[in-house]
């Protein structure tokens, strides 16, 4: 499914709808260039999963945890080299009772993701967002 958003607020709202359907064991890959809106989408996902914290890109922290109805583990692999094993980052433990969203997923080994979201910049405010989500997450638009 492909969705277009025309503002950060619309991208965040789409993320909220994804977060409302998020369950423990979900691992979402957030793909897109710098500035495409991955962190804005993550803000909405965390909000929809019951968290209300100030969500920022964990580029320098690598891993942030947001409690909520479903705890959301937010990882940003931008600073890591390719082929990172997600187990070394605790992803398998995080999936036992929470969900994981990973920015820059192409830098880790494949096979961990239950869904993918690709964000593409069309203009300063417009984004094309391709959703490849499982079950209930797939009916967000």
Protein backbone atom coordinates (compact mmCIF):
# COMPACT_ATOMS: atom_id res chain seq x y z
CA UNK A 1 0.00 0.00 0.00
CA UNK A 2 1.24 3.50 -0.82
CA UNK A 3 0.13 6.58 1.11
CA UNK A 4 1.01 10.24 0.59
CA UNK A 5 1.30 12.70 3.44
CA UNK A 6 1.52 16.46 3.03
CA UNK A 7 2.84 17.51 6.44
CA UNK A 8 4.76 16.22 9.44
CA UNK A 9 1.45 16.11 11.33
CA UNK A 10 -0.05 13.77 8.71
CA UNK A 11 3.06 11.54 8.82
CA UNK A 12 2.84 11.46 12.62
CA UNK A 13 -0.89 10.57 12.42
CA UNK A 14 -0.10 7.67 10.08
CA UNK A 15 2.48 6.50 12.60
CA UNK A 16 -0.14 6.67 15.39
CA UNK A 17 -2.43 4.37 13.40
CA UNK A 18 0.46 1.92 12.94
CA UNK A 19 1.30 2.13 16.67
CA UNK A 20 -2.30 1.42 17.67
CA UNK A 21 -1.99 -2.00 16.02
CA UNK A 22 1.55 -2.69 17.24
CA UNK A 23 2.06 -5.86 19.29
CA UNK A 24 4.93 -7.47 21.13
CA UNK A 25 7.11 -9.27 18.61
CA UNK A 26 6.64 -6.70 15.83
CA UNK A 27 9.90 -5.47 14.31
CA UNK A 28 9.47 -2.66 11.78
CA UNK A 29 12.11 -1.42 9.36
CA UNK A 30 11.87 2.34 8.71
CA UNK A 31 13.68 3.12 5.46
CA UNK A 32 14.39 6.43 3.78
CA UNK A 33 16.98 9.10 3.14
CA UNK A 34 18.04 11.64 5.74
CA UNK A 35 15.12 13.99 6.34
CA UNK A 36 12.52 11.63 4.86
CA UNK A 37 10.49 11.55 8.07
CA UNK A 38 11.50 8.30 9.76
CA UNK A 39 11.72 9.88 13.19
CA UNK A 40 8.45 11.79 12.69
CA UNK A 41 6.77 8.48 11.82
CA UNK A 42 8.43 6.89 14.89
CA UNK A 43 6.95 9.65 17.08
CA UNK A 44 3.49 8.65 15.89
CA UNK A 45 4.17 4.92 16.31
CA UNK A 46 5.28 5.42 19.92
CA UNK A 47 2.24 7.62 20.61
CA UNK A 48 -0.12 5.04 19.12
CA UNK A 49 1.49 2.29 21.22
CA UNK A 50 0.65 4.25 24.36
CA UNK A 51 3.85 6.19 24.90
CA UNK A 52 3.82 9.95 25.09
CA UNK A 53 7.46 10.71 25.58
CA UNK A 54 9.55 13.09 23.56
CA UNK A 55 10.72 10.76 20.78
CA UNK A 56 13.95 11.77 19.10
CA UNK A 57 16.20 9.98 16.70
CA UNK A 58 18.49 7.83 18.86
CA UNK A 59 21.42 8.37 16.48
CA UNK A 60 23.86 9.09 19.28
CA UNK A 61 22.20 6.78 21.83
CA UNK A 62 21.62 3.97 19.31
CA UNK A 63 18.72 2.54 21.37
CA UNK A 64 15.87 4.30 23.17
CA UNK A 65 13.02 2.58 25.03
CA UNK A 66 9.54 4.08 25.32
CA UNK A 67 7.13 2.43 27.79
CA UNK A 68 3.46 2.19 26.88
CA UNK A 69 0.73 -0.35 26.18
CA UNK A 70 3.46 -2.02 24.14
CA UNK A 71 7.03 -0.99 25.02
CA UNK A 72 8.70 0.35 21.87
CA UNK A 73 12.44 -0.06 21.36
CA UNK A 74 13.68 2.51 18.84
CA UNK A 75 17.05 1.81 17.24
CA UNK A 76 18.98 3.98 14.79
CA UNK A 77 21.76 2.10 13.01
CA UNK A 78 23.03 5.07 10.97
CA UNK A 79 26.42 5.10 12.69
CA UNK A 80 26.98 1.33 12.51
CA UNK A 81 28.67 -0.57 9.74
CA UNK A 82 26.79 -2.98 7.53
CA UNK A 83 25.96 -6.50 8.62
CA UNK A 84 25.27 -5.70 12.29
CA UNK A 85 23.72 -8.65 14.11
CA UNK A 86 20.56 -7.36 15.84
CA UNK A 87 21.08 -9.92 18.61
CA UNK A 88 24.17 -7.94 19.68
CA UNK A 89 21.84 -4.97 20.23
CA UNK A 90 19.34 -6.95 22.32
CA UNK A 91 16.62 -7.03 19.68
CA UNK A 92 15.61 -10.62 20.42
CA UNK A 93 15.09 -9.81 24.12
CA UNK A 94 13.18 -6.62 23.24
CA UNK A 95 10.79 -8.56 21.00
CA UNK A 96 9.84 -10.89 23.86
CA UNK A 97 7.68 -8.23 25.52
CA UNK A 98 7.77 -5.25 23.18
CA UNK A 99 8.05 -4.02 19.64
CA UNK A 100 11.12 -2.73 17.81
CA UNK A 101 11.41 -0.03 15.16
CA UNK A 102 14.73 0.27 13.36
CA UNK A 103 15.92 3.26 11.34
CA UNK A 104 18.59 2.47 8.72
CA UNK A 105 17.70 -1.28 8.70
CA UNK A 106 19.89 -1.92 5.66
CA UNK A 107 22.85 -1.81 8.09
CA UNK A 108 21.76 -4.97 9.89
CA UNK A 109 21.36 -8.57 8.94
CA UNK A 110 18.04 -9.29 7.20
CA UNK A 111 15.33 -11.59 8.46
CA UNK A 112 14.23 -9.69 11.57
CA UNK A 113 11.43 -7.57 10.17
CA UNK A 114 7.71 -8.27 10.35
CA UNK A 115 7.07 -5.11 8.34
CA UNK A 116 8.72 -2.38 6.30
CA UNK A 117 7.89 1.28 5.84
CA UNK A 118 9.70 3.19 3.08
CA UNK A 119 9.53 6.97 3.12
CA UNK A 120 10.40 8.98 0.04
CA UNK A 121 10.71 12.76 -0.17
CA UNK A 122 8.57 14.25 -2.95
CA UNK A 123 8.79 17.89 -1.87
CA UNK A 124 9.58 19.92 1.23
CA UNK A 125 6.39 18.71 2.92
CA UNK A 126 5.12 15.82 0.76
CA UNK A 127 6.13 12.21 1.39
CA UNK A 128 5.32 8.99 -0.39
CA UNK A 129 5.13 6.19 2.18
CA UNK A 130 5.12 2.57 1.10
CA UNK A 131 3.71 0.23 3.75
CA UNK A 132 4.44 -3.49 3.84
CA UNK A 133 2.84 -4.50 7.11
CA UNK A 134 1.44 -7.72 8.53
CA UNK A 135 -2.19 -8.42 9.44
CA UNK A 136 -3.88 -5.67 11.47
CA UNK A 137 -1.01 -3.25 10.89
CA UNK A 138 -1.71 -3.41 7.17
CA UNK A 139 -5.07 -1.67 7.43
CA UNK A 140 -3.81 1.68 8.70
CA UNK A 141 -4.61 3.89 5.72
